[in-house]
Amino acid sequence: MSKLLSELGIVGLVIGLVVLGILWPLVLIWAVNTLFGFGIAYTFLNWLAVLILTMTFGKANVSVNKS
C-alpha cells in the first residue's frame, strides 16, 4: 500500500509541475497587466513568448565570493 501511495505522490508531483509550467506564463502576463496596465492579451503567441523569455532569463544566479 505504501508503494502505491509513493508512486501516486510522484505522479502527482509530475502532473503538478507540468500544470505549473503551463500556467506560469499566464500568471506572469496577469502580473504585468496588473502592475503596469499594459493590456496584454492572453493569446497562445503571448503565452509562448513569455515561456521563451522565462526559459531564457529565468535562471539568473548572482554569486559573490568574499576572500
N, C-alpha and C. Protein backbone atom coordinates (compact mmCIF):
# COMPACT_ATOMS: atom_id res chain seq x y z
N MET A 1 0.82 -1.20 0.00
CA MET A 1 0.00 0.00 0.00
C MET A 1 0.86 1.26 0.00
N SER A 2 1.96 1.26 0.76
CA SER A 2 2.80 2.45 0.82
C SER A 2 3.52 2.68 -0.50
N LYS A 3 3.82 1.58 -1.23
CA LYS A 3 4.45 1.74 -2.54
C LYS A 3 3.50 2.42 -3.50
N LEU A 4 2.21 2.07 -3.45
CA LEU A 4 1.21 2.70 -4.31
C LEU A 4 1.09 4.18 -3.99
N LEU A 5 1.04 4.53 -2.70
CA LEU A 5 0.95 5.94 -2.31
C LEU A 5 2.20 6.70 -2.73
N SER A 6 3.35 6.07 -2.65
CA SER A 6 4.59 6.71 -3.06
C SER A 6 4.58 6.98 -4.56
N GLU A 7 4.13 6.01 -5.34
CA GLU A 7 4.07 6.19 -6.79
C GLU A 7 3.03 7.24 -7.16
N LEU A 8 1.90 7.26 -6.47
CA LEU A 8 0.89 8.28 -6.74
C LEU A 8 1.41 9.66 -6.39
N GLY A 9 2.21 9.76 -5.34
CA GLY A 9 2.81 11.03 -4.97
C GLY A 9 3.76 11.54 -6.04
N ILE A 10 4.54 10.64 -6.61
CA ILE A 10 5.47 11.01 -7.68
C ILE A 10 4.70 11.44 -8.92
N VAL A 11 3.66 10.68 -9.27
CA VAL A 11 2.84 11.02 -10.43
C VAL A 11 2.17 12.38 -10.20
N GLY A 12 1.65 12.61 -9.00
CA GLY A 12 1.03 13.88 -8.67
C GLY A 12 2.01 15.04 -8.76
N LEU A 13 3.23 14.82 -8.31
CA LEU A 13 4.26 15.84 -8.40
C LEU A 13 4.57 16.18 -9.85
N VAL A 14 4.70 15.17 -10.68
CA VAL A 14 4.99 15.40 -12.10
C VAL A 14 3.83 16.15 -12.76
N ILE A 15 2.61 15.74 -12.47
CA ILE A 15 1.44 16.42 -13.05
C ILE A 15 1.38 17.86 -12.56
N GLY A 16 1.67 18.08 -11.29
CA GLY A 16 1.68 19.43 -10.74
C GLY A 16 2.73 20.32 -11.41
N LEU A 17 3.91 19.77 -11.65
CA LEU A 17 4.95 20.55 -12.32
C LEU A 17 4.58 20.88 -13.75
N VAL A 18 3.94 19.95 -14.45
CA VAL A 18 3.51 20.21 -15.82
C VAL A 18 2.44 21.30 -15.84
N VAL A 19 1.48 21.22 -14.92
CA VAL A 19 0.43 22.24 -14.85
C VAL A 19 1.03 23.59 -14.51
N LEU A 20 1.96 23.63 -13.57
CA LEU A 20 2.62 24.87 -13.21
C LEU A 20 3.40 25.45 -14.40
N GLY A 21 4.06 24.58 -15.14
CA GLY A 21 4.79 25.03 -16.32
C GLY A 21 3.88 25.61 -17.39
N ILE A 22 2.67 25.09 -17.48
CA ILE A 22 1.72 25.60 -18.47
C ILE A 22 1.09 26.91 -17.99
N LEU A 23 0.78 27.00 -16.71
CA LEU A 23 0.08 28.18 -16.19
C LEU A 23 1.01 29.34 -15.83
N TRP A 24 2.28 29.08 -15.58
CA TRP A 24 3.18 30.13 -15.13
C TRP A 24 3.27 31.31 -16.11
N PRO A 25 3.38 31.10 -17.43
CA PRO A 25 3.40 32.26 -18.34
C PRO A 25 2.12 33.10 -18.24
N LEU A 26 0.98 32.46 -18.03
CA LEU A 26 -0.26 33.22 -17.88
C LEU A 26 -0.25 34.03 -16.60
N VAL A 27 0.33 33.48 -15.54
CA VAL A 27 0.45 34.21 -14.29
C VAL A 27 1.35 35.43 -14.47
N LEU A 28 2.42 35.29 -15.22
CA LEU A 28 3.31 36.42 -15.46
C LEU A 28 2.63 37.50 -16.29
N ILE A 29 1.87 37.11 -17.32
CA ILE A 29 1.12 38.08 -18.12
C ILE A 29 0.13 38.82 -17.23
N TRP A 30 -0.58 38.09 -16.37
CA TRP A 30 -1.53 38.71 -15.46
C TRP A 30 -0.84 39.71 -14.54
N ALA A 31 0.33 39.32 -14.02
CA ALA A 31 1.06 40.19 -13.09
C ALA A 31 1.50 41.48 -13.78
N VAL A 32 2.01 41.37 -14.98
CA VAL A 32 2.45 42.57 -15.71
C VAL A 32 1.26 43.46 -16.02
N ASN A 33 0.15 42.85 -16.43
CA ASN A 33 -1.05 43.64 -16.71
C ASN A 33 -1.55 44.34 -15.45
N THR A 34 -1.50 43.66 -14.33
CA THR A 34 -1.99 44.25 -13.09
C THR A 34 -1.08 45.37 -12.61
N LEU A 35 0.22 45.15 -12.65
CA LEU A 35 1.14 46.15 -12.13
C LEU A 35 1.29 47.37 -13.03
N PHE A 36 1.36 47.15 -14.32
CA PHE A 36 1.69 48.24 -15.23
C PHE A 36 0.55 48.64 -16.16
N GLY A 37 -0.53 47.86 -16.21
CA GLY A 37 -1.67 48.20 -17.05
C GLY A 37 -1.38 48.17 -18.54
N PHE A 38 -0.57 47.24 -18.99
CA PHE A 38 -0.22 47.16 -20.41
C PHE A 38 -1.37 46.65 -21.28
N GLY A 39 -2.25 45.87 -20.72
CA GLY A 39 -3.36 45.32 -21.50
C GLY A 39 -2.93 44.23 -22.47
N ILE A 40 -1.99 43.41 -22.07
CA ILE A 40 -1.51 42.31 -22.91
C ILE A 40 -2.59 41.24 -22.97
N ALA A 41 -2.91 40.79 -24.17
CA ALA A 41 -3.95 39.77 -24.35
C ALA A 41 -3.41 38.39 -23.94
N TYR A 42 -4.34 37.53 -23.56
CA TYR A 42 -3.99 36.16 -23.18
C TYR A 42 -4.14 35.25 -24.40
N THR A 43 -3.20 35.35 -25.31
CA THR A 43 -3.23 34.53 -26.52
C THR A 43 -2.12 33.49 -26.46
N PHE A 44 -2.19 32.53 -27.37
CA PHE A 44 -1.17 31.48 -27.40
C PHE A 44 0.21 32.06 -27.72
N LEU A 45 0.26 33.01 -28.65
CA LEU A 45 1.56 33.57 -29.02
C LEU A 45 2.17 34.36 -27.86
N ASN A 46 1.35 35.08 -27.10
CA ASN A 46 1.87 35.79 -25.93
C ASN A 46 2.32 34.80 -24.86
N TRP A 47 1.56 33.73 -24.68
CA TRP A 47 1.95 32.69 -23.73
C TRP A 47 3.30 32.10 -24.13
N LEU A 48 3.45 31.82 -25.41
CA LEU A 48 4.70 31.24 -25.92
C LEU A 48 5.86 32.21 -25.75
N ALA A 49 5.62 33.49 -25.99
CA ALA A 49 6.67 34.50 -25.83
C ALA A 49 7.13 34.58 -24.38
N VAL A 50 6.19 34.57 -23.44
CA VAL A 50 6.56 34.62 -22.03
C VAL A 50 7.29 33.34 -21.62
N LEU A 51 6.87 32.21 -22.16
CA LEU A 51 7.54 30.95 -21.87
C LEU A 51 8.99 31.00 -22.34
N ILE A 52 9.22 31.52 -23.52
CA ILE A 52 10.57 31.61 -24.05
C ILE A 52 11.41 32.59 -23.23
N LEU A 53 10.82 33.74 -22.86
CA LEU A 53 11.55 34.68 -22.02
C LEU A 53 11.89 34.09 -20.66
N THR A 54 10.95 33.35 -20.09
CA THR A 54 11.20 32.71 -18.80
C THR A 54 12.30 31.67 -18.91
N MET A 55 12.30 30.91 -19.98
CA MET A 55 13.34 29.89 -20.15
C MET A 55 14.70 30.55 -20.40
N THR A 56 14.70 31.71 -21.04
CA THR A 56 15.95 32.38 -21.36
C THR A 56 16.54 33.09 -20.14
N PHE A 57 15.70 33.87 -19.44
CA PHE A 57 16.20 34.71 -18.36
C PHE A 57 15.77 34.23 -16.98
N GLY A 58 15.07 33.15 -16.88
CA GLY A 58 14.51 32.72 -15.62
C GLY A 58 15.50 32.23 -14.60
N LYS A 59 16.66 31.80 -15.03
CA LYS A 59 17.62 31.26 -14.09
C LYS A 59 18.85 32.15 -14.04
N ALA A 60 18.67 33.30 -13.44
CA ALA A 60 19.79 34.23 -13.27
C ALA A 60 20.32 34.08 -11.86
N ASN A 61 21.55 33.67 -11.76
CA ASN A 61 22.17 33.49 -10.45
C ASN A 61 23.28 34.53 -10.27
N VAL A 62 23.32 35.09 -9.10
CA VAL A 62 24.37 36.03 -8.75
C VAL A 62 25.09 35.47 -7.55
N SER A 63 26.40 35.38 -7.67
CA SER A 63 27.17 34.89 -6.53
C SER A 63 28.32 35.85 -6.26
N VAL A 64 28.57 36.05 -4.99
CA VAL A 64 29.64 36.94 -4.56
C VAL A 64 30.61 36.12 -3.73
N ASN A 65 31.85 36.10 -4.13
CA ASN A 65 32.89 35.41 -3.38
C ASN A 65 33.68 36.42 -2.59
N LYS A 66 33.61 36.31 -1.29
CA LYS A 66 34.39 37.21 -0.43
C LYS A 66 35.65 36.48 0.01
N SER A 67 36.77 37.04 -0.35
CA SER A 67 38.03 36.40 0.01
C SER A 67 38.64 37.01 1.24
